[in-house]
Amino acid sequence: MITSLNWVLLVVTVIIMVGLALHSNNIMKTQQGEGGFLLAANCLGPFIGAATIVATGFSGWGFMGSPGVAYKYGAIELLGNFFFAPAMVFAVIFCARFLHQKAQTMGSLTIPEYIARSHEGPKSIKRLTQALAALITIVLLLVFLVGQIKALGLLAGQWLGIDTQTASLLMVGIIILYTSIGGLAAVAFTDAFMVIGMCVSALIIVVTIFADLSPSEMISGLNAIDPHLLSPTDSGPYGASVWHVFLVLPYAFIYSATLPYMSVRFMAFAKTTKLHHVAAYMTPIACLLSLVPLAGLYTRLKMPGLENPDQAMPVFLTEFLSPSISAVVTLFILFAMKSTANSVLHAIAGSVSHDLRQAIWPKCRLSDQALLLLNRSAVWILGSAGFLIMLLAPPFMLSMLAILGSGTLMAALVAPTLLAHFIPANIYAALTSIVVGFGAGCIFFFYFNLGWVEAPIYSSLLACGSYWGVAKVTVLQDDVISFSNQA
């Protein structure tokens, strides 16, 4: 009976999302060229913009992984997860305007193109930089997408009563369908629909917990199990000291302002969109979703003997919610996963169909219809590739793929995306920082036992340092050449 209800819920929501995608397709047609597909025809208003940013930032990790971390390490995860809310708001307030305006002025449709066009230098080096940024984006986000597809299959398979591979294929097929129809506009509108469900899910979780226990009862119960759950001596997975958890704030800020599947939304805002209105919508939504790890603490109190902490949320759903409510909440958790997967897929497709095409074939001139077909084909091909890679890949930890993909990419792109607004630099500084950030991120990830946010932040600092250093050297060289010419 419950499985039948789950299938009905899935079919209804797919119909809604396809309907939103078809509506988005009409919006997309208002702007000629690739801007309609890649930048949603610059139609994102305050609520849609806020909703799609929060939905993408608070992915399935917030509903599945984060409660497991809270179960194992305690309240430190509640603090770490909460930092994403102010970080995303700060990214919008301090970074969105200049990124949007500069991208509009230059006609940039993607982050790699923005990097290439915002730095002076030879056209050949600009093309090389755009191609390298695109390739790194494709590789690392494809790794991230594989993890998202597997996570969707694991949860959806159990929810629908089918095997994991079939569930993964079904989920990725749905994402490909609506993303290919309406591009970023479809992603944004479906995200807005899905974030409403995510908020309802978070409310159900919080109400269920505190209807059973008061905050003081939860605190005393957790203290009785293990005092370190509320008074930790380290930051758990974030680092060796209690202060390392505060690194989540700058990490989440760079994450929100730099990663292509997040920052492209800044470029897609409508000209009339006010950033303080976006922030006003984002703040309560993000704060509410930050409370989801409470499910892990509650499950630790009620069932302290779980061998696998990642089972904290599944156990919470089956043991502490009624079957029908559990079915609805699980659907909303799938929403959280899909809201990130569709954004990642769209970003990868844009790098292939737009950035690589421009870098490899700069004189290519295609009609609007041909460009739209190319964009949509890239979504279908890369979505299918993600599914096939998941089938062939060896067993892996989902959190490992998330850190490797998003953390290394943000280190590679942070300097030429953000520092370019404050430090005048040429294309050589941008290219150097991309190489340094990518290389340092991979080295720190594979060869150093660092906390989850340490490796990306240290790599970002090295990338920013190299960007600044090359910028200073080239400015000095220009001054010497100018002085020599005058002499």
Protein backbone atom coordinates (compact mmCIF):
# COMPACT_ATOMS: atom_id res chain seq x y z
CA MET A 1 0.00 0.00 0.00
CA ILE A 2 2.73 2.48 0.98
CA THR A 3 4.79 1.59 -2.10
CA SER A 4 1.77 2.37 -4.29
CA LEU A 5 1.40 5.73 -2.52
CA ASN A 6 5.08 6.46 -3.20
CA TRP A 7 4.65 5.78 -6.92
CA VAL A 8 1.61 8.05 -7.02
CA LEU A 9 3.55 10.83 -5.27
CA LEU A 10 6.42 10.42 -7.73
CA VAL A 11 4.17 10.54 -10.80
CA VAL A 12 2.33 13.64 -9.54
CA THR A 13 5.54 15.52 -8.79
CA VAL A 14 7.07 14.55 -12.15
CA ILE A 15 4.01 15.96 -13.91
CA ILE A 16 4.37 19.19 -11.94
CA MET A 17 8.09 19.49 -12.72
CA VAL A 18 7.60 18.81 -16.43
CA GLY A 19 4.83 21.43 -16.43
CA LEU A 20 7.20 23.94 -14.82
CA ALA A 21 9.85 23.02 -17.39
CA LEU A 22 7.43 23.66 -20.26
CA HIS A 23 6.57 27.03 -18.71
CA SER A 24 10.30 27.74 -18.42
CA ASN A 25 10.73 26.85 -22.07
CA ASN A 26 8.36 29.67 -22.99
CA ILE A 27 10.38 32.07 -20.85
CA MET A 28 13.59 30.82 -22.43
CA LYS A 29 12.30 31.72 -25.90
CA THR A 30 12.12 35.41 -24.94
CA GLN A 31 15.91 35.66 -25.33
CA GLN A 32 17.65 34.68 -28.52
CA GLY A 33 20.82 32.65 -28.52
CA GLU A 34 22.17 30.51 -25.70
CA GLY A 35 21.31 33.01 -22.96
CA GLY A 36 17.83 31.57 -22.64
CA PHE A 37 19.06 28.06 -21.91
CA LEU A 38 22.24 28.85 -19.97
CA LEU A 39 21.09 31.94 -18.00
CA ALA A 40 17.31 31.48 -17.86
CA ALA A 41 16.86 34.58 -20.05
CA ASN A 42 17.89 36.61 -16.97
CA CYS A 43 14.45 36.12 -15.46
CA LEU A 44 15.26 35.09 -11.88
CA GLY A 45 13.39 37.25 -9.42
CA PRO A 46 13.90 37.47 -5.66
CA PHE A 47 11.94 34.40 -4.55
CA ILE A 48 12.91 32.07 -7.42
CA GLY A 49 16.54 33.18 -7.15
CA ALA A 50 16.59 32.67 -3.39
CA ALA A 51 14.82 29.32 -3.60
CA THR A 52 17.10 27.85 -6.26
CA ILE A 53 20.26 28.97 -4.43
CA VAL A 54 19.16 27.48 -1.10
CA ALA A 55 17.79 24.30 -2.68
CA THR A 56 21.08 23.72 -4.50
CA GLY A 57 23.24 24.56 -1.49
CA PHE A 58 21.28 22.38 0.95
CA SER A 59 21.49 19.19 -1.08
CA GLY A 60 20.75 15.63 -0.07
CA TRP A 61 23.78 15.85 2.22
CA GLY A 62 21.80 18.12 4.53
CA PHE A 63 19.03 15.51 4.89
CA MET A 64 20.97 12.25 4.73
CA GLY A 65 24.66 12.81 5.45
CA SER A 66 24.41 15.59 8.01
CA PRO A 67 22.11 13.70 10.44
CA GLY A 68 24.57 10.80 10.28
CA VAL A 69 27.44 13.11 11.22
CA ALA A 70 25.34 14.54 14.06
CA TYR A 71 24.58 11.01 15.25
CA LYS A 72 28.28 10.17 15.43
CA TYR A 73 29.91 13.46 16.43
CA GLY A 74 27.12 15.34 18.17
CA ALA A 75 26.04 18.97 18.14
CA ILE A 76 29.19 20.15 16.34
CA GLU A 77 27.45 19.17 13.10
CA LEU A 78 24.45 21.32 13.97
CA LEU A 79 26.79 24.31 14.19
CA GLY A 80 28.68 23.35 11.03
CA ASN A 81 25.48 22.90 9.02
CA PHE A 82 24.08 26.18 10.30
CA PHE A 83 27.05 28.15 8.88
CA PHE A 84 25.78 27.50 5.36
CA ALA A 85 22.84 29.86 5.93
CA PRO A 86 24.79 33.08 6.61
CA ALA A 87 27.52 32.10 4.13
CA MET A 88 25.05 31.85 1.25
CA VAL A 89 23.38 35.12 2.25
CA PHE A 90 26.78 36.88 2.42
CA ALA A 91 27.70 35.48 -1.00
CA VAL A 92 24.56 37.00 -2.51
CA ILE A 93 24.95 40.36 -0.79
CA PHE A 94 28.68 40.84 -1.43
CA CYS A 95 29.33 38.97 -4.69
CA ALA A 96 26.18 38.69 -6.77
CA ARG A 97 25.94 42.29 -7.96
CA PHE A 98 29.42 42.71 -9.43
CA LEU A 99 29.39 39.21 -10.94
CA HIS A 100 25.98 39.86 -12.53
CA GLN A 101 26.84 43.31 -13.86
CA LYS A 102 30.25 42.37 -15.22
CA ALA A 103 28.89 39.23 -16.88
CA GLN A 104 26.10 41.26 -18.49
CA THR A 105 28.57 43.87 -19.74
CA MET A 106 30.89 41.26 -21.26
CA GLY A 107 28.12 38.96 -22.49
CA SER A 108 29.41 35.99 -20.49
CA LEU A 109 27.09 33.00 -20.13
CA THR A 110 29.24 30.68 -17.99
CA ILE A 111 31.89 31.00 -15.29
CA PRO A 112 34.77 29.75 -17.52
CA GLU A 113 33.78 32.33 -20.15
CA TYR A 114 33.51 35.00 -17.46
CA ILE A 115 37.05 34.22 -16.30
CA ALA A 116 38.45 34.38 -19.83
CA ARG A 117 36.72 37.63 -20.75
CA SER A 118 37.40 39.46 -17.49
CA HIS A 119 41.19 39.12 -17.82
CA GLU A 120 43.33 40.85 -20.45
CA GLY A 121 45.80 38.86 -22.52
CA PRO A 122 46.40 37.08 -25.82
CA LYS A 123 43.32 35.45 -27.32
CA SER A 124 45.07 32.09 -27.52
CA ILE A 125 45.78 32.12 -23.76
CA LYS A 126 42.23 33.23 -23.05
CA ARG A 127 40.92 30.28 -25.04
CA LEU A 128 43.32 27.95 -23.22
CA THR A 129 42.16 29.29 -19.85
CA GLN A 130 38.48 28.93 -20.77
CA ALA A 131 39.09 25.39 -22.01
CA LEU A 132 41.04 24.41 -18.89
CA ALA A 133 38.43 25.88 -16.55
CA ALA A 134 35.73 24.07 -18.51
CA LEU A 135 37.57 20.73 -18.47
CA ILE A 136 38.22 20.94 -14.73
CA THR A 137 34.55 21.82 -14.21
CA ILE A 138 33.43 18.88 -16.32
CA VAL A 139 35.69 16.33 -14.64
CA LEU A 140 35.12 17.39 -11.04
CA LEU A 141 31.40 18.03 -11.33
CA LEU A 142 30.94 14.77 -13.20
CA VAL A 143 32.55 13.07 -10.20
CA PHE A 144 30.13 14.95 -7.96
CA LEU A 145 27.18 14.04 -10.21
CA VAL A 146 28.05 10.34 -10.04
CA GLY A 147 27.80 10.50 -6.26
CA GLN A 148 24.44 12.31 -6.46
CA ILE A 149 23.05 9.71 -8.88
CA LYS A 150 24.12 6.86 -6.61
CA ALA A 151 22.63 8.54 -3.55
CA LEU A 152 19.35 9.07 -5.42
CA GLY A 153 19.29 5.41 -6.41
CA LEU A 154 19.96 4.18 -2.89
CA LEU A 155 17.11 6.18 -1.37
CA ALA A 156 14.63 5.98 -4.25
CA GLY A 157 15.14 2.23 -4.64
CA GLN A 158 14.17 1.61 -1.04
CA TRP A 159 11.29 4.08 -1.29
CA LEU A 160 9.83 2.65 -4.49
CA GLY A 161 10.59 -1.01 -3.81
CA ILE A 162 12.91 -1.46 -6.81
CA ASP A 163 16.63 -2.18 -7.19
CA THR A 164 19.18 0.62 -6.85
CA GLN A 165 20.30 0.68 -10.48
CA THR A 166 16.77 0.90 -11.83
CA ALA A 167 15.98 3.65 -9.33
CA SER A 168 19.12 5.58 -10.35
CA LEU A 169 18.18 5.32 -14.01
CA LEU A 170 14.64 6.51 -13.25
CA MET A 171 15.82 9.48 -11.19
CA VAL A 172 18.48 10.63 -13.66
CA GLY A 173 15.98 10.23 -16.51
CA ILE A 174 13.54 12.56 -14.75
CA ILE A 175 16.29 15.13 -14.14
CA ILE A 176 17.48 14.96 -17.76
CA LEU A 177 13.91 15.40 -19.01
CA TYR A 178 13.01 18.65 -17.31
CA THR A 179 16.52 20.13 -17.43
CA SER A 180 16.79 19.60 -21.19
CA ILE A 181 13.37 21.15 -21.80
CA GLY A 182 13.91 24.49 -20.07
CA GLY A 183 17.59 24.81 -19.14
CA LEU A 184 18.45 26.92 -16.11
CA ALA A 185 14.95 28.37 -15.96
CA ALA A 186 13.51 24.86 -15.57
CA VAL A 187 16.14 24.06 -12.94
CA ALA A 188 15.31 27.24 -11.01
CA PHE A 189 11.52 26.88 -11.13
CA THR A 190 11.60 23.20 -10.17
CA ASP A 191 14.06 24.07 -7.38
CA ALA A 192 11.57 26.60 -6.04
CA PHE A 193 8.88 23.92 -6.02
CA MET A 194 11.22 21.43 -4.38
CA VAL A 195 12.53 23.80 -1.69
CA ILE A 196 8.96 24.26 -0.45
CA GLY A 197 8.80 20.50 0.06
CA MET A 198 12.21 20.57 1.75
CA CYS A 199 10.96 23.21 4.20
CA VAL A 200 7.84 21.18 4.95
CA SER A 201 10.06 18.17 5.59
CA ALA A 202 12.28 20.16 7.96
CA LEU A 203 9.21 21.39 9.85
CA ILE A 204 7.88 17.85 10.22
CA ILE A 205 11.23 16.69 11.57
CA VAL A 206 11.51 19.53 14.10
CA VAL A 207 7.88 19.26 15.27
CA THR A 208 8.17 15.47 15.65
CA ILE A 209 11.29 15.80 17.79
CA PHE A 210 10.12 18.55 20.12
CA ALA A 211 6.61 17.17 20.45
CA ASP A 212 8.26 14.19 22.11
CA LEU A 213 11.15 15.86 23.97
CA SER A 214 11.80 19.35 25.27
CA PRO A 215 15.21 20.87 24.45
CA SER A 216 16.32 20.42 28.06
CA GLU A 217 15.35 16.73 28.01
CA MET A 218 17.30 16.21 24.81
CA ILE A 219 20.35 17.95 26.26
CA SER A 220 20.29 15.95 29.48
CA GLY A 221 19.72 12.69 27.58
CA LEU A 222 22.65 13.28 25.22
CA ASN A 223 24.88 14.25 28.14
CA ALA A 224 24.01 10.98 29.84
CA ILE A 225 25.06 9.00 26.73
CA ASP A 226 28.29 10.90 26.07
CA PRO A 227 29.19 14.42 27.31
CA HIS A 228 31.35 14.92 24.21
CA LEU A 229 28.22 15.00 22.05
CA LEU A 230 27.46 18.48 23.41
CA SER A 231 30.90 19.54 24.65
CA PRO A 232 33.31 18.24 22.00
CA THR A 233 37.08 18.36 22.27
CA ASP A 234 37.49 18.62 18.48
CA SER A 235 35.44 19.48 15.41
CA GLY A 236 34.79 15.89 14.40
CA PRO A 237 35.19 15.52 10.64
CA TYR A 238 36.02 19.22 10.22
CA GLY A 239 39.35 19.27 12.04
CA ALA A 240 41.41 18.44 15.10
CA SER A 241 40.44 21.43 17.26
CA VAL A 242 37.05 22.76 18.35
CA TRP A 243 37.73 25.89 16.28
CA HIS A 244 38.07 24.07 12.97
CA VAL A 245 34.30 23.94 12.59
CA PHE A 246 34.34 27.72 12.03
CA LEU A 247 36.18 27.07 8.77
CA VAL A 248 32.81 25.94 7.43
CA LEU A 249 31.77 29.61 7.20
CA PRO A 250 34.48 30.71 4.72
CA TYR A 251 34.22 27.34 2.97
CA ALA A 252 30.48 27.75 2.42
CA PHE A 253 30.97 31.37 1.32
CA ILE A 254 33.53 30.40 -1.34
CA TYR A 255 31.35 27.42 -2.27
CA SER A 256 28.32 29.65 -2.86
CA ALA A 257 30.14 32.44 -4.68
CA THR A 258 32.50 30.38 -6.85
CA LEU A 259 31.14 26.99 -7.88
CA PRO A 260 29.60 27.26 -11.37
CA TYR A 261 26.36 25.51 -10.45
CA MET A 262 25.83 28.05 -7.64
CA SER A 263 27.27 31.34 -8.94
CA VAL A 264 25.67 31.06 -12.38
CA ARG A 265 22.43 32.00 -10.63
CA PHE A 266 23.94 35.39 -9.76
CA MET A 267 24.51 35.96 -13.47
CA ALA A 268 20.91 34.93 -14.20
CA PHE A 269 19.19 37.45 -11.91
CA ALA A 270 16.82 39.87 -13.57
CA LYS A 271 18.01 43.46 -13.75
CA THR A 272 15.17 44.51 -11.46
CA THR A 273 15.98 41.93 -8.76
CA LYS A 274 17.02 43.51 -5.46
CA LEU A 275 19.66 41.56 -3.59
CA HIS A 276 18.31 42.47 -0.15
CA HIS A 277 14.98 40.95 -1.22
CA VAL A 278 16.79 37.75 -2.25
CA ALA A 279 18.58 37.68 1.12
CA ALA A 280 15.30 38.23 2.96
CA TYR A 281 13.80 35.14 1.33
CA MET A 282 16.95 33.07 1.73
CA THR A 283 17.51 33.66 5.44
CA PRO A 284 14.44 31.95 6.96
CA ILE A 285 14.52 29.09 4.42
CA ALA A 286 18.22 28.36 5.02
CA CYS A 287 17.91 28.65 8.81
CA LEU A 288 14.98 26.21 8.83
CA LEU A 289 16.89 23.66 6.72
CA SER A 290 19.87 24.03 9.06
CA LEU A 291 17.84 22.31 11.80
CA VAL A 292 17.61 18.96 9.98
CA PRO A 293 20.68 17.46 11.77
CA LEU A 294 18.55 17.44 14.93
CA ALA A 295 17.16 14.18 13.54
CA GLY A 296 20.59 12.62 14.04
CA LEU A 297 20.82 13.79 17.65
CA TYR A 298 17.30 12.57 18.37
CA THR A 299 18.00 9.16 16.86
CA ARG A 300 21.24 8.91 18.87
CA LEU A 301 19.22 9.51 22.02
CA LYS A 302 16.46 7.05 21.14
CA MET A 303 18.55 4.34 19.44
CA PRO A 304 22.19 4.76 20.49
CA GLY A 305 23.45 1.44 19.16
CA LEU A 306 23.42 1.97 15.37
CA GLU A 307 26.50 0.44 13.77
CA ASN A 308 26.32 2.75 10.76
CA PRO A 309 25.69 6.43 11.61
CA ASP A 310 24.51 7.06 8.04
CA GLN A 311 21.39 5.08 8.94
CA ALA A 312 20.30 7.81 11.36
CA MET A 313 17.85 9.47 8.95
CA PRO A 314 16.44 6.22 7.48
CA VAL A 315 15.86 4.95 11.04
CA PHE A 316 14.23 8.25 12.00
CA LEU A 317 11.88 7.98 9.01
CA THR A 318 10.84 4.40 9.71
CA GLU A 319 10.75 4.41 13.53
CA PHE A 320 9.49 7.85 14.50
CA LEU A 321 7.16 8.88 11.66
CA SER A 322 3.96 7.27 10.44
CA PRO A 323 4.29 5.38 7.13
CA SER A 324 2.38 7.98 5.12
CA ILE A 325 4.28 10.95 6.58
CA SER A 326 7.55 9.07 6.15
CA ALA A 327 6.69 8.57 2.47
CA VAL A 328 6.13 12.30 1.98
CA VAL A 329 9.30 13.29 3.86
CA THR A 330 11.34 10.81 1.82
CA LEU A 331 9.96 12.39 -1.36
CA PHE A 332 11.11 15.78 -0.10
CA ILE A 333 14.58 14.38 0.64
CA LEU A 334 14.70 13.14 -2.93
CA PHE A 335 13.82 16.71 -3.90
CA ALA A 336 16.91 17.94 -2.04
CA MET A 337 19.11 15.49 -3.92
CA LYS A 338 17.58 16.30 -7.31
CA SER A 339 17.86 20.05 -6.76
CA THR A 340 21.65 19.69 -6.63
CA ALA A 341 21.94 17.02 -9.31
CA ASN A 342 20.01 19.07 -11.88
CA SER A 343 22.16 22.14 -11.19
CA VAL A 344 25.38 20.16 -11.53
CA LEU A 345 24.20 18.54 -14.75
CA HIS A 346 23.25 21.92 -16.23
CA ALA A 347 26.66 23.39 -15.34
CA ILE A 348 28.54 20.47 -16.91
CA ALA A 349 26.42 20.63 -20.05
CA GLY A 350 27.11 24.35 -20.39
CA SER A 351 30.86 23.77 -20.12
CA VAL A 352 30.71 21.18 -22.90
CA SER A 353 28.26 22.82 -25.30
CA HIS A 354 29.40 26.43 -24.81
CA ASP A 355 32.90 26.73 -23.32
CA LEU A 356 34.65 23.89 -25.12
CA ARG A 357 32.96 24.85 -28.38
CA GLN A 358 34.20 28.44 -28.05
CA ALA A 359 37.72 27.40 -27.03
CA ILE A 360 38.22 24.71 -29.67
CA TRP A 361 36.15 26.21 -32.47
CA PRO A 362 36.16 30.00 -31.91
CA LYS A 363 34.87 30.86 -35.40
CA CYS A 364 31.90 28.52 -35.10
CA ARG A 365 28.63 30.21 -36.04
CA LEU A 366 25.46 28.21 -35.40
CA SER A 367 21.81 29.20 -35.58
CA ASP A 368 19.81 29.62 -32.38
CA GLN A 369 18.00 26.35 -33.09
CA ALA A 370 21.27 24.49 -33.58
CA LEU A 371 22.71 25.94 -30.36
CA LEU A 372 19.62 24.93 -28.39
CA LEU A 373 19.85 21.40 -29.82
CA LEU A 374 23.53 21.29 -28.85
CA ASN A 375 22.75 22.44 -25.30
CA ARG A 376 19.98 19.90 -24.87
CA SER A 377 22.05 17.10 -26.39
CA ALA A 378 24.83 17.85 -23.91
CA VAL A 379 22.35 17.43 -21.03
CA TRP A 380 21.21 14.05 -22.34
CA ILE A 381 24.71 12.77 -23.11
CA LEU A 382 26.31 13.88 -19.85
CA GLY A 383 23.40 12.71 -17.73
CA SER A 384 23.63 9.30 -19.37
CA ALA A 385 27.41 9.32 -18.92
CA GLY A 386 27.00 10.00 -15.21
CA PHE A 387 24.71 7.00 -14.88
CA LEU A 388 27.07 4.71 -16.82
CA ILE A 389 30.08 5.82 -14.79
CA MET A 390 28.15 5.06 -11.61
CA LEU A 391 27.50 1.52 -12.89
CA LEU A 392 31.17 0.91 -13.74
CA ALA A 393 32.79 2.72 -10.81
CA PRO A 394 34.09 0.73 -7.81
CA PRO A 395 32.40 1.20 -4.43
CA PHE A 396 33.00 4.65 -3.01
CA MET A 397 31.99 6.91 -0.16
CA LEU A 398 29.45 9.49 -1.29
CA SER A 399 30.90 12.17 0.98
CA MET A 400 34.35 11.56 -0.52
CA LEU A 401 33.07 12.32 -4.02
CA ALA A 402 31.32 15.48 -2.82
CA ILE A 403 34.49 16.80 -1.19
CA LEU A 404 36.75 15.89 -4.11
CA GLY A 405 34.40 17.37 -6.70
CA SER A 406 33.12 20.59 -5.16
CA GLY A 407 36.07 21.37 -2.86
CA THR A 408 38.77 21.04 -5.52
CA LEU A 409 36.72 22.95 -8.09
CA MET A 410 36.13 25.91 -5.80
CA ALA A 411 39.88 26.09 -5.08
CA ALA A 412 40.60 26.17 -8.82
CA LEU A 413 38.08 28.93 -9.61
CA VAL A 414 38.02 31.15 -6.51
CA ALA A 415 40.81 33.55 -7.47
CA PRO A 416 39.88 34.42 -11.08
CA THR A 417 36.19 34.60 -10.14
CA LEU A 418 36.29 36.65 -6.92
CA LEU A 419 39.72 38.30 -6.64
CA ALA A 420 39.42 39.70 -10.16
CA HIS A 421 37.05 42.30 -8.75
CA PHE A 422 39.67 43.58 -6.28
CA ILE A 423 43.07 42.81 -7.83
CA PRO A 424 43.88 43.87 -11.41
CA ALA A 425 45.43 40.86 -13.12
CA ASN A 426 45.90 39.43 -16.60
CA ILE A 427 44.98 36.07 -18.04
CA TYR A 428 48.30 34.53 -16.96
CA ALA A 429 47.42 35.13 -13.30
CA ALA A 430 44.03 33.50 -13.86
CA LEU A 431 45.56 30.49 -15.61
CA THR A 432 48.21 30.05 -12.92
CA SER A 433 45.71 30.18 -10.08
CA ILE A 434 43.47 27.59 -11.76
CA VAL A 435 46.40 25.17 -12.12
CA VAL A 436 47.63 25.80 -8.56
CA GLY A 437 44.18 25.48 -7.00
CA PHE A 438 43.37 22.29 -8.86
CA GLY A 439 46.77 20.70 -8.18
CA ALA A 440 46.84 21.68 -4.50
CA GLY A 441 43.28 20.45 -4.00
CA CYS A 442 44.10 17.03 -5.43
CA ILE A 443 47.35 16.74 -3.43
CA PHE A 444 45.74 17.76 -0.14
CA PHE A 445 42.82 15.41 -0.74
CA PHE A 446 44.79 12.31 -1.66
CA TYR A 447 47.97 12.67 0.40
CA PHE A 448 47.07 14.58 3.57
CA ASN A 449 44.69 13.55 6.34
CA LEU A 450 42.88 16.86 6.69
CA GLY A 451 39.40 17.81 7.84
CA TRP A 452 36.62 18.04 5.28
CA VAL A 453 36.86 21.80 4.80
CA GLU A 454 40.58 22.24 5.45
CA ALA A 455 41.88 20.93 2.12
CA PRO A 456 39.61 23.16 -0.04
CA ILE A 457 40.38 26.26 2.05
CA TYR A 458 44.14 25.71 2.10
CA SER A 459 44.06 25.07 -1.66
CA SER A 460 42.00 28.23 -2.17
CA LEU A 461 44.56 30.27 -0.20
CA LEU A 462 47.40 28.92 -2.33
CA ALA A 463 45.47 29.66 -5.51
CA CYS A 464 44.73 33.23 -4.35
CA GLY A 465 48.38 33.70 -3.39
CA SER A 466 49.57 32.59 -6.81
CA TYR A 467 47.02 34.86 -8.48
CA TRP A 468 48.22 37.85 -6.47
CA GLY A 469 51.88 36.97 -7.04
CA VAL A 470 51.60 36.64 -10.81
CA ALA A 471 49.52 39.83 -10.94
CA LYS A 472 52.23 41.75 -9.10
CA VAL A 473 55.02 40.33 -11.25
CA THR A 474 53.25 41.18 -14.50
CA VAL A 475 52.45 44.71 -13.30
CA LEU A 476 56.14 45.17 -12.41
CA GLN A 477 57.19 43.90 -15.83
CA ASP A 478 54.78 46.32 -17.52
CA ASP A 479 56.22 49.20 -15.48
CA VAL A 480 59.79 48.24 -16.43
CA ILE A 481 58.87 48.02 -20.13
CA SER A 482 57.06 51.37 -19.96
CA PHE A 483 60.06 53.00 -18.23
CA SER A 484 62.45 51.55 -20.83
CA ASN A 485 60.33 52.88 -23.68
CA GLN A 486 60.24 56.34 -22.14
CA ALA A 487 64.02 56.29 -21.64
